[in-house]
Amino acid sequence: LGRGQAIYVKHGLPHNCLDTHDFLPEGVELQGIQLTIRDQVWRIYNVYAHVDKLYIAHNWDFLEKLSDVPRTKFLIAGDFNARSKEWGNATENRQGIALS
């Protein structure tokens, strides 16, 4: 299934792995951790969207759910396999249109 995605956390930095199974649309892999930095709770997510799957806009609704945690900052990064002219790509695809 996976292509070797990972989130590296410095040894000794307290963190918790998040259960992300409830958020996933088909064709998306997701990892998440929660940690506290200077009394601020952070959630960091790593996304991999398979290039061979077709996406439509509602498939990306899970990004809204990931960020909907009160008093928590978040960072969502990864490989979305998205291309959009808005970001300087010469071509665009469905993923890029849905995300832009």
Protein backbone atom coordinates (compact mmCIF):
# COMPACT_ATOMS: atom_id res chain seq x y z
CA LEU A 1 0.00 0.00 0.00
CA GLY A 2 2.52 2.61 1.15
CA ARG A 3 5.56 4.04 -0.54
CA GLY A 4 7.57 4.65 2.61
CA GLN A 5 6.17 7.84 4.09
CA ALA A 6 7.41 8.87 7.55
CA ILE A 7 7.35 11.63 10.13
CA TYR A 8 10.65 12.01 11.98
CA VAL A 9 10.45 13.12 15.61
CA LYS A 10 13.61 14.04 17.52
CA HIS A 11 14.52 11.47 20.17
CA GLY A 12 13.22 12.52 23.56
CA LEU A 13 10.53 14.87 22.22
CA PRO A 14 7.24 13.69 23.75
CA HIS A 15 4.59 12.99 21.12
CA ASN A 16 1.60 10.78 20.38
CA CYS A 17 0.71 9.03 17.14
CA LEU A 18 -2.80 9.93 15.95
CA ASP A 19 -5.39 7.50 14.66
CA THR A 20 -6.18 8.83 11.19
CA HIS A 21 -8.25 5.97 9.77
CA ASP A 22 -11.58 7.80 10.12
CA PHE A 23 -10.39 10.64 7.87
CA LEU A 24 -9.20 8.74 4.82
CA PRO A 25 -10.80 8.82 1.40
CA GLU A 26 -9.81 6.11 -1.08
CA GLY A 27 -6.32 6.52 -2.53
CA VAL A 28 -4.90 8.61 0.32
CA GLU A 29 -2.41 7.55 2.98
CA LEU A 30 -2.12 9.65 6.12
CA GLN A 31 0.08 9.75 9.21
CA GLY A 32 -0.33 12.12 12.13
CA ILE A 33 1.37 13.03 15.37
CA GLN A 34 0.51 15.39 18.21
CA LEU A 35 3.12 17.16 20.27
CA THR A 36 3.45 20.18 22.52
CA ILE A 37 5.99 22.90 21.78
CA ARG A 38 6.29 25.83 24.22
CA ASP A 39 2.89 25.07 25.75
CA GLN A 40 1.21 24.99 22.33
CA VAL A 41 -0.39 21.77 21.05
CA TRP A 42 0.48 20.93 17.44
CA ARG A 43 -0.86 18.27 15.11
CA ILE A 44 1.39 17.41 12.18
CA TYR A 45 0.09 15.34 9.28
CA ASN A 46 1.86 13.68 6.37
CA VAL A 47 -0.33 12.97 3.32
CA TYR A 48 0.36 10.81 0.30
CA ALA A 49 -2.22 10.87 -2.49
CA HIS A 50 -1.78 8.10 -5.05
CA VAL A 51 -1.24 9.49 -8.53
CA ASP A 52 -3.25 6.75 -10.24
CA LYS A 53 -6.52 7.56 -8.45
CA LEU A 54 -9.02 10.08 -9.77
CA TYR A 55 -10.04 12.76 -7.28
CA ILE A 56 -12.99 15.08 -7.13
CA ALA A 57 -13.41 18.03 -4.80
CA HIS A 58 -15.31 16.23 -2.02
CA ASN A 59 -12.42 13.78 -1.57
CA TRP A 60 -10.38 16.61 -0.04
CA ASP A 61 -12.94 17.37 2.69
CA PHE A 62 -10.81 15.33 5.08
CA LEU A 63 -8.32 18.24 5.18
CA GLU A 64 -10.99 20.39 6.84
CA LYS A 65 -11.63 17.69 9.45
CA LEU A 66 -7.92 17.46 10.27
CA SER A 67 -7.76 21.17 11.08
CA ASP A 68 -10.97 21.22 13.14
CA VAL A 69 -9.48 20.75 16.62
CA PRO A 70 -9.95 23.66 19.07
CA ARG A 71 -6.85 25.30 20.57
CA THR A 72 -4.56 23.25 18.35
CA LYS A 73 -2.20 24.44 15.65
CA PHE A 74 -1.70 22.15 12.69
CA LEU A 75 0.60 21.52 9.75
CA ILE A 76 -0.46 19.40 6.78
CA ALA A 77 2.28 18.46 4.32
CA GLY A 78 3.12 15.66 1.94
CA ASP A 79 2.79 14.56 -1.66
CA PHE A 80 -0.65 15.39 -3.01
CA ASN A 81 0.33 14.65 -6.62
CA ALA A 82 -1.46 17.90 -7.45
CA ARG A 83 -0.64 20.31 -10.25
CA SER A 84 -2.16 23.73 -10.70
CA LYS A 85 -1.35 26.70 -12.90
CA GLU A 86 -1.97 28.85 -9.80
CA TRP A 87 1.22 27.38 -8.33
CA GLY A 88 3.28 27.85 -11.49
CA ASN A 89 2.80 24.44 -13.11
CA ALA A 90 2.48 24.39 -16.89
CA THR A 91 -0.37 21.89 -16.63
CA GLU A 92 -3.05 21.11 -14.08
CA ASN A 93 -4.84 17.98 -12.94
CA ARG A 94 -7.99 17.20 -10.97
CA GLN A 95 -6.11 17.13 -7.68
CA GLY A 96 -4.66 20.59 -8.32
CA ILE A 97 -8.01 22.05 -9.33
CA ALA A 98 -9.69 20.61 -6.22
CA LEU A 99 -7.00 21.93 -3.87
CA SER A 100 -6.59 25.41 -5.41
